[in-house]
Structure formats: C-alpha cells, structure tokens
Amino acid sequence: MSLTLEQVRRVAHLARIEVSDAEALSTLGHLNGIFTLIETMQAVDTRGVEPMAHAQDLAQRLRSDQVSETNRREDFQALAPETEAGLYLVPQVME
C-alpha cells in the first residue's frame, strides 16, 4: 500500500494541519517508507513463533508477598495534628 500526495493533503486537511507542498512531499515519503516496512514485516512467516512479553527472554525476580513490618498506624496518627475515623484531616485549599 502506498499513499498519493492528494491523500496526504486530505489527511492533513481532516486533521486541520496546514502543510506546504514541500512538507506534504516529505510526509508522503516518510509514510510510504513506513508502509513499506510494515509490508516487509507482514511478509515474514511467524507461524510457530510463540508470543513474548519482552524481546529478551528474562525471568522476572519476584519476592514473596509477606508482611515485613508491623502495623504502626496508631503511632503515626498520634503524631498528626488532626485525625478522624483513621484518616488524616488537612486544611481545605480549594473551594
């Protein structure tokens, strides 16, 4: 698939982008280059290739999900100027 100069101008018009003739020609070349690359990539036979989450086959190191600290909520709330129902109260800054 390749675009024509008129199609590039139409897309620019629809997007409300003003492009000069030189910019339209340059954009046409860039877009046609992208479409050529896509066609080349689609021509590759990928049957039997397993999808990957990342380009490098690395194992993610995960730590065990265990509580490592004690609950000190009451201690921290005792230091706060104002609390209510376990929440910190702060001055209103917006109306």
N, C-alpha and C. Protein backbone atom coordinates (compact mmCIF):
# COMPACT_ATOMS: atom_id res chain seq x y z
N MET A 1 0.85 -1.18 0.00
CA MET A 1 0.00 0.00 0.00
C MET A 1 0.89 1.23 0.00
N SER A 2 0.56 2.19 -0.82
CA SER A 2 1.27 3.45 -0.80
C SER A 2 0.26 4.57 -0.96
N LEU A 3 0.57 5.69 -0.39
CA LEU A 3 -0.31 6.85 -0.43
C LEU A 3 0.03 7.73 -1.61
N THR A 4 -0.93 8.56 -1.99
CA THR A 4 -0.68 9.56 -3.01
C THR A 4 -0.56 10.92 -2.32
N LEU A 5 -0.04 11.89 -3.03
CA LEU A 5 0.12 13.23 -2.48
C LEU A 5 -1.24 13.81 -2.12
N GLU A 6 -2.25 13.53 -2.91
CA GLU A 6 -3.60 14.03 -2.63
C GLU A 6 -4.14 13.43 -1.33
N GLN A 7 -3.86 12.15 -1.07
CA GLN A 7 -4.32 11.53 0.18
C GLN A 7 -3.64 12.16 1.39
N VAL A 8 -2.35 12.48 1.26
CA VAL A 8 -1.64 13.14 2.37
C VAL A 8 -2.26 14.50 2.63
N ARG A 9 -2.55 15.25 1.58
CA ARG A 9 -3.18 16.57 1.75
C ARG A 9 -4.56 16.43 2.39
N ARG A 10 -5.31 15.41 2.00
CA ARG A 10 -6.65 15.21 2.57
C ARG A 10 -6.57 14.86 4.05
N VAL A 11 -5.66 14.00 4.41
CA VAL A 11 -5.50 13.65 5.83
C VAL A 11 -5.08 14.88 6.63
N ALA A 12 -4.18 15.68 6.08
CA ALA A 12 -3.77 16.91 6.76
C ALA A 12 -4.96 17.86 6.91
N HIS A 13 -5.79 17.95 5.89
CA HIS A 13 -6.98 18.80 5.97
C HIS A 13 -7.94 18.30 7.04
N LEU A 14 -8.18 17.00 7.07
CA LEU A 14 -9.08 16.42 8.08
C LEU A 14 -8.55 16.63 9.49
N ALA A 15 -7.23 16.60 9.64
CA ALA A 15 -6.61 16.80 10.95
C ALA A 15 -6.43 18.28 11.27
N ARG A 16 -6.87 19.13 10.35
CA ARG A 16 -6.74 20.58 10.50
C ARG A 16 -5.28 21.00 10.68
N ILE A 17 -4.42 20.38 9.87
CA ILE A 17 -2.98 20.69 9.87
C ILE A 17 -2.65 21.33 8.54
N GLU A 18 -2.08 22.50 8.61
CA GLU A 18 -1.69 23.18 7.37
C GLU A 18 -0.29 22.70 6.98
N VAL A 19 -0.17 22.16 5.77
CA VAL A 19 1.12 21.68 5.29
C VAL A 19 1.43 22.33 3.93
N SER A 20 2.67 22.69 3.77
CA SER A 20 3.10 23.24 2.48
C SER A 20 3.32 22.08 1.51
N ASP A 21 3.56 22.42 0.25
CA ASP A 21 3.81 21.37 -0.75
C ASP A 21 5.06 20.58 -0.41
N ALA A 22 6.10 21.27 0.08
CA ALA A 22 7.34 20.58 0.45
C ALA A 22 7.13 19.64 1.63
N GLU A 23 6.34 20.09 2.63
CA GLU A 23 6.05 19.24 3.79
C GLU A 23 5.20 18.04 3.38
N ALA A 24 4.27 18.26 2.48
CA ALA A 24 3.42 17.16 2.02
C ALA A 24 4.25 16.11 1.29
N LEU A 25 5.17 16.56 0.45
CA LEU A 25 6.05 15.61 -0.25
C LEU A 25 6.93 14.84 0.71
N SER A 26 7.48 15.56 1.69
CA SER A 26 8.34 14.91 2.69
C SER A 26 7.54 13.88 3.49
N THR A 27 6.34 14.28 3.92
CA THR A 27 5.47 13.40 4.69
C THR A 27 5.08 12.18 3.87
N LEU A 28 4.80 12.40 2.58
CA LEU A 28 4.45 11.29 1.69
C LEU A 28 5.58 10.26 1.66
N GLY A 29 6.82 10.73 1.54
CA GLY A 29 7.96 9.81 1.54
C GLY A 29 8.09 9.04 2.84
N HIS A 30 7.92 9.75 3.97
CA HIS A 30 8.03 9.09 5.28
C HIS A 30 6.93 8.04 5.46
N LEU A 31 5.70 8.41 5.14
CA LEU A 31 4.59 7.48 5.33
C LEU A 31 4.71 6.27 4.41
N ASN A 32 5.09 6.48 3.17
CA ASN A 32 5.26 5.34 2.26
C ASN A 32 6.40 4.45 2.71
N GLY A 33 7.44 5.04 3.32
CA GLY A 33 8.52 4.23 3.90
C GLY A 33 8.02 3.37 5.05
N ILE A 34 7.16 3.93 5.87
CA ILE A 34 6.58 3.17 6.99
C ILE A 34 5.72 2.03 6.46
N PHE A 35 4.88 2.33 5.46
CA PHE A 35 4.03 1.28 4.89
C PHE A 35 4.85 0.17 4.24
N THR A 36 5.96 0.53 3.61
CA THR A 36 6.84 -0.48 3.01
C THR A 36 7.43 -1.37 4.10
N LEU A 37 7.85 -0.77 5.20
CA LEU A 37 8.39 -1.55 6.32
C LEU A 37 7.33 -2.49 6.88
N ILE A 38 6.11 -2.01 7.03
CA ILE A 38 5.02 -2.85 7.54
C ILE A 38 4.77 -4.02 6.60
N GLU A 39 4.74 -3.77 5.30
CA GLU A 39 4.53 -4.85 4.34
C GLU A 39 5.66 -5.87 4.40
N THR A 40 6.88 -5.41 4.58
CA THR A 40 8.03 -6.31 4.70
C THR A 40 7.90 -7.18 5.95
N MET A 41 7.49 -6.56 7.05
CA MET A 41 7.34 -7.31 8.30
C MET A 41 6.19 -8.30 8.22
N GLN A 42 5.12 -7.95 7.52
CA GLN A 42 3.99 -8.85 7.41
C GLN A 42 4.30 -10.04 6.50
N ALA A 43 5.30 -9.90 5.63
CA ALA A 43 5.66 -10.98 4.73
C ALA A 43 6.43 -12.10 5.43
N VAL A 44 6.93 -11.83 6.63
CA VAL A 44 7.70 -12.83 7.37
C VAL A 44 6.76 -13.90 7.93
N ASP A 45 7.15 -15.16 7.75
CA ASP A 45 6.34 -16.27 8.26
C ASP A 45 6.59 -16.41 9.76
N THR A 46 5.58 -16.12 10.55
CA THR A 46 5.72 -16.19 12.01
C THR A 46 4.94 -17.35 12.62
N ARG A 47 4.47 -18.28 11.79
CA ARG A 47 3.78 -19.44 12.34
C ARG A 47 4.76 -20.23 13.20
N GLY A 48 4.29 -20.63 14.35
CA GLY A 48 5.13 -21.41 15.25
C GLY A 48 5.99 -20.56 16.18
N VAL A 49 5.95 -19.25 16.03
CA VAL A 49 6.72 -18.37 16.91
C VAL A 49 5.82 -18.01 18.08
N GLU A 50 6.29 -18.32 19.27
CA GLU A 50 5.50 -18.06 20.47
C GLU A 50 5.58 -16.57 20.83
N PRO A 51 4.44 -15.95 21.14
CA PRO A 51 4.46 -14.53 21.55
C PRO A 51 5.29 -14.34 22.81
N MET A 52 5.95 -13.20 22.88
CA MET A 52 6.81 -12.89 24.03
C MET A 52 6.35 -11.59 24.67
N ALA A 53 6.56 -11.47 25.97
CA ALA A 53 6.23 -10.24 26.67
C ALA A 53 7.35 -9.22 26.51
N HIS A 54 8.54 -9.68 26.21
CA HIS A 54 9.70 -8.80 26.09
C HIS A 54 10.65 -9.39 25.06
N ALA A 55 11.43 -8.54 24.44
CA ALA A 55 12.36 -9.01 23.41
C ALA A 55 13.45 -9.92 23.96
N GLN A 56 13.79 -9.73 25.22
CA GLN A 56 14.78 -10.60 25.85
C GLN A 56 14.06 -11.59 26.75
N ASP A 57 14.44 -12.83 26.66
CA ASP A 57 13.79 -13.88 27.45
C ASP A 57 14.39 -13.91 28.85
N LEU A 58 13.89 -13.05 29.71
CA LEU A 58 14.40 -12.95 31.07
C LEU A 58 13.34 -13.39 32.06
N ALA A 59 13.76 -13.99 33.13
CA ALA A 59 12.84 -14.35 34.21
C ALA A 59 12.75 -13.18 35.17
N GLN A 60 11.54 -12.86 35.58
CA GLN A 60 11.35 -11.76 36.50
C GLN A 60 11.55 -12.26 37.92
N ARG A 61 12.44 -11.58 38.63
CA ARG A 61 12.70 -11.97 40.01
C ARG A 61 11.63 -11.36 40.89
N LEU A 62 10.86 -12.20 41.53
CA LEU A 62 9.79 -11.72 42.40
C LEU A 62 10.09 -12.12 43.83
N ARG A 63 9.77 -11.22 44.71
CA ARG A 63 9.93 -11.54 46.13
C ARG A 63 8.64 -12.13 46.65
N SER A 64 8.72 -12.84 47.74
CA SER A 64 7.50 -13.41 48.31
C SER A 64 6.65 -12.29 48.91
N ASP A 65 5.35 -12.45 48.84
CA ASP A 65 4.43 -11.43 49.32
C ASP A 65 4.15 -11.67 50.80
N GLN A 66 5.03 -11.13 51.63
CA GLN A 66 4.90 -11.32 53.07
C GLN A 66 4.99 -9.97 53.76
N VAL A 67 4.28 -9.84 54.86
CA VAL A 67 4.34 -8.62 55.66
C VAL A 67 5.71 -8.55 56.31
N SER A 68 6.40 -7.41 56.15
CA SER A 68 7.74 -7.29 56.70
C SER A 68 7.82 -6.27 57.83
N GLU A 69 6.76 -5.49 58.02
CA GLU A 69 6.75 -4.50 59.09
C GLU A 69 5.46 -4.62 59.89
N THR A 70 5.52 -4.16 61.12
CA THR A 70 4.33 -4.20 61.97
C THR A 70 3.44 -2.99 61.65
N ASN A 71 2.16 -3.10 62.00
CA ASN A 71 1.21 -2.02 61.78
C ASN A 71 1.46 -0.92 62.80
N ARG A 72 1.89 0.25 62.34
CA ARG A 72 2.17 1.37 63.25
C ARG A 72 1.25 2.54 62.98
N ARG A 73 0.06 2.25 62.48
CA ARG A 73 -0.89 3.30 62.12
C ARG A 73 -1.23 4.19 63.30
N GLU A 74 -1.52 3.60 64.43
CA GLU A 74 -1.87 4.38 65.63
C GLU A 74 -0.72 5.29 66.04
N ASP A 75 0.51 4.82 65.95
CA ASP A 75 1.67 5.64 66.30
C ASP A 75 1.79 6.86 65.38
N PHE A 76 1.61 6.62 64.08
CA PHE A 76 1.73 7.72 63.12
C PHE A 76 0.58 8.71 63.26
N GLN A 77 -0.63 8.20 63.51
CA GLN A 77 -1.75 9.10 63.65
C GLN A 77 -1.68 9.90 64.95
N ALA A 78 -1.02 9.38 65.93
CA ALA A 78 -0.85 10.12 67.18
C ALA A 78 0.01 11.36 66.96
N LEU A 79 0.88 11.33 65.96
CA LEU A 79 1.75 12.48 65.65
C LEU A 79 1.06 13.53 64.79
N ALA A 80 -0.05 13.17 64.14
CA ALA A 80 -0.74 14.09 63.22
C ALA A 80 -1.52 15.14 64.00
N PRO A 81 -1.61 16.36 63.45
CA PRO A 81 -2.37 17.41 64.13
C PRO A 81 -3.85 17.06 64.30
N GLU A 82 -4.47 16.48 63.25
CA GLU A 82 -5.89 16.12 63.35
C GLU A 82 -6.15 14.83 62.58
N THR A 83 -6.93 13.95 63.18
CA THR A 83 -7.36 12.72 62.51
C THR A 83 -8.82 12.47 62.85
N GLU A 84 -9.48 11.72 62.00
CA GLU A 84 -10.87 11.35 62.27
C GLU A 84 -11.16 10.04 61.56
N ALA A 85 -11.65 9.06 62.30
CA ALA A 85 -12.01 7.75 61.76
C ALA A 85 -10.85 7.12 61.01
N GLY A 86 -9.64 7.30 61.51
CA GLY A 86 -8.47 6.69 60.89
C GLY A 86 -7.91 7.46 59.70
N LEU A 87 -8.45 8.66 59.43
CA LEU A 87 -7.99 9.46 58.30
C LEU A 87 -7.29 10.72 58.81
N TYR A 88 -6.36 11.22 58.02
CA TYR A 88 -5.66 12.45 58.35
C TYR A 88 -6.50 13.62 57.82
N LEU A 89 -6.76 14.60 58.68
CA LEU A 89 -7.50 15.78 58.27
C LEU A 89 -6.52 16.89 57.90
N VAL A 90 -6.75 17.51 56.75
CA VAL A 90 -5.88 18.59 56.29
C VAL A 90 -6.73 19.80 55.99
N PRO A 91 -6.14 21.01 56.04
CA PRO A 91 -6.91 22.21 55.74
C PRO A 91 -7.40 22.21 54.28
N GLN A 92 -8.59 22.74 54.08
CA GLN A 92 -9.14 22.85 52.72
C GLN A 92 -8.37 23.92 51.97
N VAL A 93 -7.91 23.60 50.76
CA VAL A 93 -7.16 24.56 49.97
C VAL A 93 -7.93 25.00 48.74
N MET A 94 -8.99 24.31 48.38
CA MET A 94 -9.82 24.68 47.23
C MET A 94 -11.27 24.75 47.68
N GLU A 95 -12.01 25.65 47.08
CA GLU A 95 -13.43 25.76 47.42
C GLU A 95 -14.28 25.03 46.41
